[in-house]
Amino acid sequence: MSEYNTKNYTEQGGDVTHIHGRLIIEEDGEISGLPQASGLTPGIIKADGITRDAPYTVEVKIDSETGKLYVPEYPKAQSVTQSTATTVADLKNSFNALITALIEGGVMAEGGSKGEG
C-alpha cells in the first residue's frame, strides 16, 4: 500500500481541480480561459526580486456590473521637475508642487490643512 498523499488533485470527471499549495506561473507561462471584466485593458504585473520570503500582494477588485475579478489601473501623477532649491522657501515651493501633483493625479487624497506663506 502506497503512503503517497497528493495535495493537488482533479475530481472524478475532470471538472474540478484542487490546488492545496502555491501555484507558480513562470515568466513565460500563460493562463488561458479566464474571463476579463468588460471595458478594462488586460495587463501584466511584473515584480522584480520577489522571493519566497518576501511575497508580493496586488489589490484586485470585482466589477460591480459583471461580477468579474480584475486588477485596477492606478493613476499616475504628472511629472514634477527635480528641485534645485537653494533656500528653505524654494524647497517649500518644490515640496508643495509635488504634493499638488500627487493630489491632482489622484494618487493622494486632499484634506490636510494648507499652511500660510
PDB file of N, CA and C in Angstrom:
ATOM      1  N   MET A   1       0.834  -1.180   0.000  1.00  0.00           N
ATOM      2  CA  MET A   1       0.000   0.000   0.000  1.00  0.00           C
ATOM      3  C   MET A   1       0.883   1.250   0.000  1.00  0.00           C
ATOM      4  N   SER A   2       0.543   2.176  -0.864  1.00  0.00           N
ATOM      5  CA  SER A   2       1.349   3.377  -1.007  1.00  0.00           C
ATOM      6  C   SER A   2       1.050   4.375   0.102  1.00  0.00           C
ATOM      7  N   GLU A   3       2.077   5.073   0.576  1.00  0.00           N
ATOM      8  CA  GLU A   3       1.938   6.099   1.603  1.00  0.00           C
ATOM      9  C   GLU A   3       1.847   7.487   0.968  1.00  0.00           C
ATOM     10  N   TYR A   4       1.831   7.553  -0.372  1.00  0.00           N
ATOM     11  CA  TYR A   4       1.827   8.831  -1.092  1.00  0.00           C
ATOM     12  C   TYR A   4       0.474   9.521  -0.947  1.00  0.00           C
ATOM     13  N   ASN A   5       0.495  10.800  -0.583  1.00  0.00           N
ATOM     14  CA  ASN A   5      -0.729  11.591  -0.447  1.00  0.00           C
ATOM     15  C   ASN A   5      -0.522  12.906  -1.184  1.00  0.00           C
ATOM     16  N   THR A   6      -1.295  13.140  -2.221  1.00  0.00           N
ATOM     17  CA  THR A   6      -1.110  14.340  -3.025  1.00  0.00           C
ATOM     18  C   THR A   6      -1.947  15.502  -2.498  1.00  0.00           C
ATOM     19  N   LYS A   7      -1.398  16.709  -2.575  1.00  0.00           N
ATOM     20  CA  LYS A   7      -2.143  17.907  -2.194  1.00  0.00           C
ATOM     21  C   LYS A   7      -2.996  18.411  -3.349  1.00  0.00           C
ATOM     22  N   ASN A   8      -2.556  18.142  -4.574  1.00  0.00           N
ATOM     23  CA  ASN A   8      -3.264  18.621  -5.756  1.00  0.00           C
ATOM     24  C   ASN A   8      -3.911  17.445  -6.455  1.00  0.00           C
ATOM     25  N   TYR A   9      -5.176  17.607  -6.806  1.00  0.00           N
ATOM     26  CA  TYR A   9      -5.849  16.501  -7.484  1.00  0.00           C
ATOM     27  C   TYR A   9      -7.036  17.026  -8.283  1.00  0.00           C
ATOM     28  N   THR A  10      -7.455  16.239  -9.263  1.00  0.00           N
ATOM     29  CA  THR A  10      -8.629  16.534 -10.080  1.00  0.00           C
ATOM     30  C   THR A  10      -9.702  15.529  -9.715  1.00  0.00           C
ATOM     31  N   GLU A  11     -10.894  16.050  -9.469  1.00  0.00           N
ATOM     32  CA  GLU A  11     -12.011  15.183  -9.101  1.00  0.00           C
ATOM     33  C   GLU A  11     -12.395  14.271 -10.257  1.00  0.00           C
ATOM     34  N   GLN A  12     -13.047  13.188  -9.918  1.00  0.00           N
ATOM     35  CA  GLN A  12     -13.526  12.235 -10.919  1.00  0.00           C
ATOM     36  C   GLN A  12     -14.362  12.986 -11.955  1.00  0.00           C
ATOM     37  N   GLY A  13     -14.075  12.799 -13.212  1.00  0.00           N
ATOM     38  CA  GLY A  13     -14.784  13.505 -14.274  1.00  0.00           C
ATOM     39  C   GLY A  13     -14.002  14.704 -14.787  1.00  0.00           C
ATOM     40  N   GLY A  14     -13.029  15.197 -14.028  1.00  0.00           N
ATOM     41  CA  GLY A  14     -12.135  16.240 -14.506  1.00  0.00           C
ATOM     42  C   GLY A  14     -12.667  17.656 -14.496  1.00  0.00           C
ATOM     43  N   ASP A  15     -13.848  17.901 -13.902  1.00  0.00           N
ATOM     44  CA  ASP A  15     -14.414  19.248 -13.928  1.00  0.00           C
ATOM     45  C   ASP A  15     -13.851  20.163 -12.850  1.00  0.00           C
ATOM     46  N   VAL A  16     -13.304  19.617 -11.775  1.00  0.00           N
ATOM     47  CA  VAL A  16     -12.802  20.429 -10.667  1.00  0.00           C
ATOM     48  C   VAL A  16     -11.405  19.953 -10.301  1.00  0.00           C
ATOM     49  N   THR A  17     -10.466  20.925 -10.194  1.00  0.00           N
ATOM     50  CA  THR A  17      -9.113  20.614  -9.745  1.00  0.00           C
ATOM     51  C   THR A  17      -8.838  21.369  -8.458  1.00  0.00           C
ATOM     52  N   HIS A  18      -8.289  20.688  -7.465  1.00  0.00           N
ATOM     53  CA  HIS A  18      -7.959  21.289  -6.175  1.00  0.00           C
ATOM     54  C   HIS A  18      -6.457  21.527  -6.110  1.00  0.00           C
ATOM     55  N   ILE A  19      -6.068  22.726  -5.700  1.00  0.00           N
ATOM     56  CA  ILE A  19      -4.650  23.050  -5.518  1.00  0.00           C
ATOM     57  C   ILE A  19      -4.482  23.466  -4.062  1.00  0.00           C
ATOM     58  N   HIS A  20      -3.750  22.676  -3.319  1.00  0.00           N
ATOM     59  CA  HIS A  20      -3.514  22.953  -1.894  1.00  0.00           C
ATOM     60  C   HIS A  20      -2.047  23.320  -1.699  1.00  0.00           C
ATOM     61  N   GLY A  21      -1.692  24.457  -2.176  1.00  0.00           N
ATOM     62  CA  GLY A  21      -0.317  24.906  -2.094  1.00  0.00           C
ATOM     63  C   GLY A  21      -0.157  26.140  -2.952  1.00  0.00           C
ATOM     64  N   ARG A  22       1.028  26.411  -3.335  1.00  0.00           N
ATOM     65  CA  ARG A  22       1.327  27.604  -4.126  1.00  0.00           C
ATOM     66  C   ARG A  22       1.351  27.244  -5.605  1.00  0.00           C
ATOM     67  N   LEU A  23       0.683  28.065  -6.413  1.00  0.00           N
ATOM     68  CA  LEU A  23       0.704  27.907  -7.864  1.00  0.00           C
ATOM     69  C   LEU A  23       1.638  28.970  -8.407  1.00  0.00           C
ATOM     70  N   ILE A  24       2.686  28.565  -9.079  1.00  0.00           N
ATOM     71  CA  ILE A  24       3.671  29.500  -9.625  1.00  0.00           C
ATOM     72  C   ILE A  24       3.590  29.452 -11.140  1.00  0.00           C
ATOM     73  N   ILE A  25       3.397  30.612 -11.739  1.00  0.00           N
ATOM     74  CA  ILE A  25       3.378  30.720 -13.188  1.00  0.00           C
ATOM     75  C   ILE A  25       4.654  31.457 -13.574  1.00  0.00           C
ATOM     76  N   GLU A  26       5.538  30.771 -14.246  1.00  0.00           N
ATOM     77  CA  GLU A  26       6.824  31.345 -14.613  1.00  0.00           C
ATOM     78  C   GLU A  26       6.642  32.486 -15.614  1.00  0.00           C
ATOM     79  N   GLU A  27       7.696  33.266 -15.837  1.00  0.00           N
ATOM     80  CA  GLU A  27       7.639  34.472 -16.657  1.00  0.00           C
ATOM     81  C   GLU A  27       7.032  34.236 -18.038  1.00  0.00           C
ATOM     82  N   ASP A  28       7.365  33.136 -18.665  1.00  0.00           N
ATOM     83  CA  ASP A  28       6.833  32.860 -19.998  1.00  0.00           C
ATOM     84  C   ASP A  28       5.551  32.036 -19.953  1.00  0.00           C
ATOM     85  N   GLY A  29       5.054  31.742 -18.750  1.00  0.00           N
ATOM     86  CA  GLY A  29       3.850  30.937 -18.615  1.00  0.00           C
ATOM     87  C   GLY A  29       2.604  31.731 -18.973  1.00  0.00           C
ATOM     88  N   GLU A  30       1.547  31.017 -19.273  1.00  0.00           N
ATOM     89  CA  GLU A  30       0.285  31.652 -19.659  1.00  0.00           C
ATOM     90  C   GLU A  30      -0.874  30.969 -18.964  1.00  0.00           C
ATOM     91  N   ILE A  31      -1.929  31.738 -18.765  1.00  0.00           N
ATOM     92  CA  ILE A  31      -3.195  31.191 -18.306  1.00  0.00           C
ATOM     93  C   ILE A  31      -4.207  31.559 -19.372  1.00  0.00           C
ATOM     94  N   SER A  32      -4.961  30.601 -19.839  1.00  0.00           N
ATOM     95  CA  SER A  32      -5.980  30.919 -20.834  1.00  0.00           C
ATOM     96  C   SER A  32      -7.338  30.504 -20.305  1.00  0.00           C
ATOM     97  N   GLY A  33      -8.358  31.175 -20.817  1.00  0.00           N
ATOM     98  CA  GLY A  33      -9.714  30.822 -20.459  1.00  0.00           C
ATOM     99  C   GLY A  33     -10.306  31.601 -19.308  1.00  0.00           C
ATOM    100  N   LEU A  34      -9.525  32.467 -18.643  1.00  0.00           N
ATOM    101  CA  LEU A  34     -10.076  33.265 -17.557  1.00  0.00           C
ATOM    102  C   LEU A  34     -10.845  34.443 -18.138  1.00  0.00           C
ATOM    103  N   PRO A  35     -12.050  34.701 -17.663  1.00  0.00           N
ATOM    104  CA  PRO A  35     -12.810  35.835 -18.185  1.00  0.00           C
ATOM    105  C   PRO A  35     -12.230  37.154 -17.690  1.00  0.00           C
ATOM    106  N   GLN A  36     -12.428  38.211 -18.459  1.00  0.00           N
ATOM    107  CA  GLN A  36     -11.977  39.543 -18.087  1.00  0.00           C
ATOM    108  C   GLN A  36     -13.179  40.451 -17.968  1.00  0.00           C
ATOM    109  N   ALA A  37     -13.111  41.397 -17.019  1.00  0.00           N
ATOM    110  CA  ALA A  37     -14.198  42.361 -16.868  1.00  0.00           C
ATOM    111  C   ALA A  37     -14.253  43.214 -18.128  1.00  0.00           C
ATOM    112  N   SER A  38     -15.447  43.489 -18.609  1.00  0.00           N
ATOM    113  CA  SER A  38     -15.586  44.249 -19.847  1.00  0.00           C
ATOM    114  C   SER A  38     -15.120  45.684 -19.667  1.00  0.00           C
ATOM    115  N   GLY A  39     -14.575  46.259 -20.729  1.00  0.00           N
ATOM    116  CA  GLY A  39     -14.144  47.645 -20.715  1.00  0.00           C
ATOM    117  C   GLY A  39     -12.817  47.886 -20.045  1.00  0.00           C
ATOM    118  N   LEU A  40     -12.145  46.843 -19.612  1.00  0.00           N
ATOM    119  CA  LEU A  40     -10.862  47.014 -18.941  1.00  0.00           C
ATOM    120  C   LEU A  40      -9.752  46.480 -19.829  1.00  0.00           C
ATOM    121  N   THR A  41      -8.632  47.155 -19.802  1.00  0.00           N
ATOM    122  CA  THR A  41      -7.488  46.719 -20.579  1.00  0.00           C
ATOM    123  C   THR A  41      -6.718  45.681 -19.783  1.00  0.00           C
ATOM    124  N   PRO A  42      -6.523  44.487 -20.325  1.00  0.00           N
ATOM    125  CA  PRO A  42      -5.750  43.497 -19.581  1.00  0.00           C
ATOM    126  C   PRO A  42      -4.294  43.927 -19.497  1.00  0.00           C
ATOM    127  N   GLY A  43      -3.623  43.521 -18.458  1.00  0.00           N
ATOM    128  CA  GLY A  43      -2.230  43.902 -18.296  1.00  0.00           C
ATOM    129  C   GLY A  43      -1.427  42.793 -17.665  1.00  0.00           C
ATOM    130  N   ILE A  44      -0.146  43.019 -17.558  1.00  0.00           N
ATOM    131  CA  ILE A  44       0.771  42.067 -16.961  1.00  0.00           C
ATOM    132  C   ILE A  44       1.394  42.722 -15.748  1.00  0.00           C
ATOM    133  N   ILE A  45       1.474  41.997 -14.672  1.00  0.00           N
ATOM    134  CA  ILE A  45       2.112  42.502 -13.463  1.00  0.00           C
ATOM    135  C   ILE A  45       3.455  41.799 -13.346  1.00  0.00           C
ATOM    136  N   LYS A  46       4.527  42.572 -13.364  1.00  0.00           N
ATOM    137  CA  LYS A  46       5.857  42.009 -13.180  1.00  0.00           C
ATOM    138  C   LYS A  46       6.441  42.606 -11.915  1.00  0.00           C
ATOM    139  N   ALA A  47       7.074  41.804 -11.143  1.00  0.00           N
ATOM    140  CA  ALA A  47       7.713  42.282  -9.932  1.00  0.00           C
ATOM    141  C   ALA A  47       9.098  41.668  -9.866  1.00  0.00           C
ATOM    142  N   ASP A  48      10.114  42.499  -9.883  1.00  0.00           N
ATOM    143  CA  ASP A  48      11.489  42.022  -9.830  1.00  0.00           C
ATOM    144  C   ASP A  48      11.879  41.699  -8.393  1.00  0.00           C
ATOM    145  N   GLY A  49      12.696  40.710  -8.256  1.00  0.00           N
ATOM    146  CA  GLY A  49      13.294  40.410  -6.959  1.00  0.00           C
ATOM    147  C   GLY A  49      12.347  39.788  -5.950  1.00  0.00           C
ATOM    148  N   ILE A  50      11.276  39.167  -6.390  1.00  0.00           N
ATOM    149  CA  ILE A  50      10.378  38.520  -5.440  1.00  0.00           C
ATOM    150  C   ILE A  50      10.985  37.187  -5.034  1.00  0.00           C
ATOM    151  N   THR A  51      10.964  36.927  -3.755  1.00  0.00           N
ATOM    152  CA  THR A  51      11.444  35.641  -3.246  1.00  0.00           C
ATOM    153  C   THR A  51      10.330  35.007  -2.432  1.00  0.00           C
ATOM    154  N   ARG A  52      10.520  33.795  -2.090  1.00  0.00           N
ATOM    155  CA  ARG A  52       9.525  33.106  -1.262  1.00  0.00           C
ATOM    156  C   ARG A  52       9.421  33.761   0.113  1.00  0.00           C
ATOM    157  N   ASP A  53      10.477  34.437   0.549  1.00  0.00           N
ATOM    158  CA  ASP A  53      10.477  35.078   1.862  1.00  0.00           C
ATOM    159  C   ASP A  53       9.849  36.467   1.822  1.00  0.00           C
ATOM    160  N   ALA A  54       9.648  37.034   0.631  1.00  0.00           N
ATOM    161  CA  ALA A  54       9.093  38.382   0.505  1.00  0.00           C
ATOM    162  C   ALA A  54       7.953  38.360  -0.510  1.00  0.00           C
ATOM    163  N   PRO A  55       6.769  37.889  -0.095  1.00  0.00           N
ATOM    164  CA  PRO A  55       5.661  37.804  -1.050  1.00  0.00           C
ATOM    165  C   PRO A  55       5.198  39.178  -1.513  1.00  0.00           C
ATOM    166  N   TYR A  56       4.640  39.226  -2.703  1.00  0.00           N
ATOM    167  CA  TYR A  56       4.157  40.455  -3.313  1.00  0.00           C
ATOM    168  C   TYR A  56       2.644  40.360  -3.413  1.00  0.00           C
ATOM    169  N   THR A  57       1.935  41.374  -2.964  1.00  0.00           N
ATOM    170  CA  THR A  57       0.484  41.356  -2.976  1.00  0.00           C
ATOM    171  C   THR A  57      -0.038  42.424  -3.917  1.00  0.00           C
ATOM    172  N   VAL A  58      -1.006  42.070  -4.724  1.00  0.00           N
ATOM    173  CA  VAL A  58      -1.632  43.004  -5.662  1.00  0.00           C
ATOM    174  C   VAL A  58      -3.110  43.103  -5.305  1.00  0.00           C
ATOM    175  N   GLU A  59      -3.614  44.331  -5.192  1.00  0.00           N
ATOM    176  CA  GLU A  59      -5.023  44.523  -4.908  1.00  0.00           C
ATOM    177  C   GLU A  59      -5.848  44.154  -6.134  1.00  0.00           C
ATOM    178  N   VAL A  60      -6.911  43.435  -5.928  1.00  0.00           N
ATOM    179  CA  VAL A  60      -7.836  43.118  -7.012  1.00  0.00           C
ATOM    180  C   VAL A  60      -9.226  43.582  -6.599  1.00  0.00           C
ATOM    181  N   LYS A  61     -10.060  43.836  -7.588  1.00  0.00           N
ATOM    182  CA  LYS A  61     -11.427  44.276  -7.326  1.00  0.00           C
ATOM    183  C   LYS A  61     -12.382  43.430  -8.155  1.00  0.00           C
ATOM    184  N   ILE A  62     -13.657  43.520  -7.826  1.00  0.00           N
ATOM    185  CA  ILE A  62     -14.687  42.828  -8.585  1.00  0.00           C
ATOM    186  C   ILE A  62     -15.551  43.873  -9.262  1.00  0.00           C
ATOM    187  N   ASP A  63     -15.715  43.753 -10.578  1.00  0.00           N
ATOM    188  CA  ASP A  63     -16.541  44.673 -11.343  1.00  0.00           C
ATOM    189  C   ASP A  63     -17.987  44.501 -10.875  1.00  0.00           C
ATOM    190  N   SER A  64     -18.612  45.591 -10.414  1.00  0.00           N
ATOM    191  CA  SER A  64     -19.959  45.502  -9.846  1.00  0.00           C
ATOM    192  C   SER A  64     -21.013  45.120 -10.876  1.00  0.00           C
ATOM    193  N   GLU A  65     -20.756  45.390 -12.147  1.00  0.00           N
ATOM    194  CA  GLU A  65     -21.732  45.061 -13.186  1.00  0.00           C
ATOM    195  C   GLU A  65     -21.601  43.621 -13.677  1.00  0.00           C
ATOM    196  N   THR A  66     -20.365  43.161 -13.853  1.00  0.00           N
ATOM    197  CA  THR A  66     -20.164  41.826 -14.420  1.00  0.00           C
ATOM    198  C   THR A  66     -19.842  40.773 -13.366  1.00  0.00           C
ATOM    199  N   GLY A  67     -19.407  41.220 -12.184  1.00  0.00           N
ATOM    200  CA  GLY A  67     -19.009  40.280 -11.144  1.00  0.00           C
ATOM    201  C   GLY A  67     -17.668  39.643 -11.402  1.00  0.00           C
ATOM    202  N   LYS A  68     -16.893  40.187 -12.356  1.00  0.00           N
ATOM    203  CA  LYS A  68     -15.603  39.593 -12.709  1.00  0.00           C
ATOM    204  C   LYS A  68     -14.468  40.281 -11.951  1.00  0.00           C
ATOM    205  N   LEU A  69     -13.457  39.501 -11.659  1.00  0.00           N
ATOM    206  CA  LEU A  69     -12.286  39.959 -10.927  1.00  0.00           C
ATOM    207  C   LEU A  69     -11.321  40.664 -11.862  1.00  0.00           C
ATOM    208  N   TYR A  70     -10.729  41.783 -11.404  1.00  0.00           N
ATOM    209  CA  TYR A  70      -9.732  42.484 -12.214  1.00  0.00           C
ATOM    210  C   TYR A  70      -8.750  43.220 -11.316  1.00  0.00           C
ATOM    211  N   VAL A  71      -7.598  43.546 -11.871  1.00  0.00           N
ATOM    212  CA  VAL A  71      -6.599  44.366 -11.188  1.00  0.00           C
ATOM    213  C   VAL A  71      -6.781  45.784 -11.703  1.00  0.00           C
ATOM    214  N   PRO A  72      -7.098  46.741 -10.823  1.00  0.00           N
ATOM    215  CA  PRO A  72      -7.355  48.098 -11.290  1.00  0.00           C
ATOM    216  C   PRO A  72      -6.088  48.786 -11.781  1.00  0.00           C
ATOM    217  N   GLU A  73      -6.285  49.715 -12.708  1.00  0.00           N
ATOM    218  CA  GLU A  73      -5.171  50.533 -13.185  1.00  0.00           C
ATOM    219  C   GLU A  73      -5.084  51.739 -12.260  1.00  0.00           C
ATOM    220  N   TYR A  74      -3.922  51.978 -11.707  1.00  0.00           N
ATOM    221  CA  TYR A  74      -3.766  53.059 -10.754  1.00  0.00           C
ATOM    222  C   TYR A  74      -3.328  54.346 -11.454  1.00  0.00           C
ATOM    223  N   PRO A  75      -3.778  55.480 -10.930  1.00  0.00           N
ATOM    224  CA  PRO A  75      -3.443  56.757 -11.565  1.00  0.00           C
ATOM    225  C   PRO A  75      -1.968  57.097 -11.390  1.00  0.00           C
ATOM    226  N   LYS A  76      -1.484  57.941 -12.290  1.00  0.00           N
ATOM    227  CA  LYS A  76      -0.124  58.448 -12.193  1.00  0.00           C
ATOM    228  C   LYS A  76      -0.191  59.959 -12.040  1.00  0.00           C
ATOM    229  N   ALA A  77       0.696  60.505 -11.249  1.00  0.00           N
ATOM    230  CA  ALA A  77       0.767  61.957 -11.092  1.00  0.00           C
ATOM    231  C   ALA A  77       1.590  62.540 -12.233  1.00  0.00           C
ATOM    232  N   GLN A  78       1.341  63.793 -12.533  1.00  0.00           N
ATOM    233  CA  GLN A  78       2.136  64.491 -13.529  1.00  0.00           C
ATOM    234  C   GLN A  78       3.584  64.577 -13.046  1.00  0.00           C
ATOM    235  N   SER A  79       4.483  64.617 -13.972  1.00  0.00           N
ATOM    236  CA  SER A  79       5.903  64.728 -13.651  1.00  0.00           C
ATOM    237  C   SER A  79       6.194  66.084 -13.023  1.00  0.00           C
ATOM    238  N   VAL A  80       7.048  66.085 -12.036  1.00  0.00           N
ATOM    239  CA  VAL A  80       7.483  67.319 -11.375  1.00  0.00           C
ATOM    240  C   VAL A  80       8.998  67.391 -11.526  1.00  0.00           C
ATOM    241  N   THR A  81       9.498  68.548 -11.937  1.00  0.00           N
ATOM    242  CA  THR A  81      10.944  68.667 -12.130  1.00  0.00           C
ATOM    243  C   THR A  81      11.680  68.534 -10.801  1.00  0.00           C
ATOM    244  N   GLN A  82      12.906  68.078 -10.879  1.00  0.00           N
ATOM    245  CA  GLN A  82      13.712  67.945  -9.671  1.00  0.00           C
ATOM    246  C   GLN A  82      13.985  69.317  -9.088  1.00  0.00           C
ATOM    247  N   SER A  83      13.979  69.360  -7.782  1.00  0.00           N
ATOM    248  CA  SER A  83      14.195  70.631  -7.092  1.00  0.00           C
ATOM    249  C   SER A  83      15.648  71.075  -7.224  1.00  0.00           C
ATOM    250  N   THR A  84      15.793  72.366  -7.470  1.00  0.00           N
ATOM    251  CA  THR A  84      17.130  72.987  -7.468  1.00  0.00           C
ATOM    252  C   THR A  84      17.181  74.044  -6.380  1.00  0.00           C
ATOM    253  N   ALA A  85      16.307  73.869  -5.378  1.00  0.00           N
ATOM    254  CA  ALA A  85      16.179  74.868  -4.311  1.00  0.00           C
ATOM    255  C   ALA A  85      17.492  75.076  -3.585  1.00  0.00           C
ATOM    256  N   THR A  86      17.764  76.343  -3.306  1.00  0.00           N
ATOM    257  CA  THR A  86      18.951  76.695  -2.518  1.00  0.00           C
ATOM    258  C   THR A  86      18.554  77.406  -1.233  1.00  0.00           C
ATOM    259  N   THR A  87      17.245  77.655  -1.078  1.00  0.00           N
ATOM    260  CA  THR A  87      16.740  78.267   0.155  1.00  0.00           C
ATOM    261  C   THR A  87      15.594  77.419   0.672  1.00  0.00           C
ATOM    262  N   VAL A  88      15.288  77.596   1.931  1.00  0.00           N
ATOM    263  CA  VAL A  88      14.178  76.864   2.536  1.00  0.00           C
ATOM    264  C   VAL A  88      12.868  77.244   1.855  1.00  0.00           C
ATOM    265  N   ALA A  89      12.697  78.511   1.503  1.00  0.00           N
ATOM    266  CA  ALA A  89      11.473  78.963   0.840  1.00  0.00           C
ATOM    267  C   ALA A  89      11.304  78.271  -0.521  1.00  0.00           C
ATOM    268  N   ASP A  90      12.384  78.160  -1.282  1.00  0.00           N
ATOM    269  CA  ASP A  90      12.312  77.479  -2.575  1.00  0.00           C
ATOM    270  C   ASP A  90      12.025  75.980  -2.395  1.00  0.00           C
ATOM    271  N   LEU A  91      12.625  75.386  -1.372  1.00  0.00           N
ATOM    272  CA  LEU A  91      12.388  73.974  -1.093  1.00  0.00           C
ATOM    273  C   LEU A  91      10.920  73.747  -0.730  1.00  0.00           C
ATOM    274  N   LYS A  92      10.353  74.652   0.050  1.00  0.00           N
ATOM    275  CA  LYS A  92       8.938  74.550   0.402  1.00  0.00           C
ATOM    276  C   LYS A  92       8.078  74.606  -0.851  1.00  0.00           C
ATOM    277  N   ASN A  93       8.401  75.499  -1.777  1.00  0.00           N
ATOM    278  CA  ASN A  93       7.637  75.605  -3.021  1.00  0.00           C
ATOM    279  C   ASN A  93       7.751  74.328  -3.854  1.00  0.00           C
ATOM    280  N   SER A  94       8.938  73.746  -3.924  1.00  0.00           N
ATOM    281  CA  SER A  94       9.136  72.498  -4.660  1.00  0.00           C
ATOM    282  C   SER A  94       8.335  71.362  -4.030  1.00  0.00           C
ATOM    283  N   PHE A  95       8.359  71.319  -2.719  1.00  0.00           N
ATOM    284  CA  PHE A  95       7.637  70.275  -1.996  1.00  0.00           C
ATOM    285  C   PHE A  95       6.131  70.423  -2.205  1.00  0.00           C
ATOM    286  N   ASN A  96       5.624  71.648  -2.135  1.00  0.00           N
ATOM    287  CA  ASN A  96       4.197  71.891  -2.357  1.00  0.00           C
ATOM    288  C   ASN A  96       3.783  71.553  -3.788  1.00  0.00           C
ATOM    289  N   ALA A  97       4.670  71.773  -4.754  1.00  0.00           N
ATOM    290  CA  ALA A  97       4.375  71.403  -6.142  1.00  0.00           C
ATOM    291  C   ALA A  97       4.238  69.889  -6.269  1.00  0.00           C
ATOM    292  N   LEU A  98       5.065  69.160  -5.546  1.00  0.00           N
ATOM    293  CA  LEU A  98       4.972  67.702  -5.545  1.00  0.00           C
ATOM    294  C   LEU A  98       3.654  67.248  -4.937  1.00  0.00           C
ATOM    295  N   ILE A  99       3.274  67.818  -3.807  1.00  0.00           N
ATOM    296  CA  ILE A  99       2.008  67.464  -3.161  1.00  0.00           C
ATOM    297  C   ILE A  99       0.835  67.763  -4.089  1.00  0.00           C
ATOM    298  N   THR A 100       0.857  68.922  -4.736  1.00  0.00           N
ATOM    299  CA  THR A 100      -0.215  69.297  -5.669  1.00  0.00           C
ATOM    300  C   THR A 100      -0.317  68.290  -6.814  1.00  0.00           C
ATOM    301  N   ALA A 101       0.813  67.877  -7.372  1.00  0.00           N
ATOM    302  CA  ALA A 101       0.816  66.905  -8.469  1.00  0.00           C
ATOM    303  C   ALA A 101       0.232  65.572  -8.009  1.00  0.00           C
ATOM    304  N   LEU A 102       0.545  65.148  -6.800  1.00  0.00           N
ATOM    305  CA  LEU A 102       0.022  63.888  -6.275  1.00  0.00           C
ATOM    306  C   LEU A 102      -1.491  63.959  -6.063  1.00  0.00           C
ATOM    307  N   ILE A 103      -1.973  65.081  -5.551  1.00  0.00           N
ATOM    308  CA  ILE A 103      -3.407  65.251  -5.331  1.00  0.00           C
ATOM    309  C   ILE A 103      -4.147  65.319  -6.659  1.00  0.00           C
ATOM    310  N   GLU A 104      -3.644  66.144  -7.591  1.00  0.00           N
ATOM    311  CA  GLU A 104      -4.311  66.301  -8.881  1.00  0.00           C
ATOM    312  C   GLU A 104      -4.274  65.018  -9.706  1.00  0.00           C
ATOM    313  N   GLY A 105      -3.256  64.198  -9.500  1.00  0.00           N
ATOM    314  CA  GLY A 105      -3.148  62.925 -10.212  1.00  0.00           C
ATOM    315  C   GLY A 105      -3.982  61.821  -9.590  1.00  0.00           C
ATOM    316  N   GLY A 106      -4.602  62.106  -8.443  1.00  0.00           N
ATOM    317  CA  GLY A 106      -5.432  61.102  -7.787  1.00  0.00           C
ATOM    318  C   GLY A 106      -4.655  60.078  -6.991  1.00  0.00           C
ATOM    319  N   VAL A 107      -3.376  60.348  -6.743  1.00  0.00           N
ATOM    320  CA  VAL A 107      -2.535  59.409  -6.017  1.00  0.00           C
ATOM    321  C   VAL A 107      -2.652  59.632  -4.505  1.00  0.00           C
ATOM    322  N   MET A 108      -2.933  60.874  -4.096  1.00  0.00           N
ATOM    323  CA  MET A 108      -3.023  61.223  -2.692  1.00  0.00           C
ATOM    324  C   MET A 108      -4.303  62.020  -2.470  1.00  0.00           C
ATOM    325  N   ALA A 109      -4.968  61.753  -1.352  1.00  0.00           N
ATOM    326  CA  ALA A 109      -6.195  62.467  -1.038  1.00  0.00           C
ATOM    327  C   ALA A 109      -5.884  63.864  -0.520  1.00  0.00           C
ATOM    328  N   GLU A 110      -6.760  64.785  -0.871  1.00  0.00           N
ATOM    329  CA  GLU A 110      -6.640  66.149  -0.362  1.00  0.00           C
ATOM    330  C   GLU A 110      -7.300  66.183   1.001  1.00  0.00           C
ATOM    331  N   GLY A 111      -6.839  67.068   1.863  1.00  0.00           N
ATOM    332  CA  GLY A 111      -7.526  67.149   3.149  1.00  0.00           C
ATOM    333  C   GLY A 111      -6.696  67.731   4.255  1.00  0.00           C
ATOM    334  N   GLY A 112      -5.399  67.809   4.082  1.00  0.00           N
ATOM    335  CA  GLY A 112      -4.576  68.417   5.110  1.00  0.00           C
ATOM    336  C   GLY A 112      -4.789  69.909   5.148  1.00  0.00           C
ATOM    337  N   SER A 113      -4.434  70.534   6.252  1.00  0.00           N
ATOM    338  CA  SER A 113      -4.570  71.991   6.311  1.00  0.00           C
ATOM    339  C   SER A 113      -3.428  72.636   5.548  1.00  0.00           C
ATOM    340  N   LYS A 114      -3.737  73.657   4.775  1.00  0.00           N
ATOM    341  CA  LYS A 114      -2.734  74.341   3.987  1.00  0.00           C
ATOM    342  C   LYS A 114      -2.105  75.436   4.844  1.00  0.00           C
ATOM    343  N   GLY A 115      -0.807  75.463   4.889  1.00  0.00           N
ATOM    344  CA  GLY A 115      -0.097  76.470   5.675  1.00  0.00           C
ATOM    345  C   GLY A 115      -0.056  77.814   4.982  1.00  0.00           C
ATOM    346  N   GLU A 116       0.142  78.814   5.724  1.00  0.00           N
ATOM    347  CA  GLU A 116       0.277  80.175   5.182  1.00  0.00           C
ATOM    348  C   GLU A 116       1.727  80.382   4.766  1.00  0.00           C
ATOM    349  N   GLY A 117       1.921  81.197   3.719  1.00  0.00           N
ATOM    350  CA  GLY A 117       3.230  81.703   3.468  1.00  0.00           C
ATOM    351  C   GLY A 117       4.039  81.194   2.429  1.00  0.00           C
TER     352      GLY A 117
END
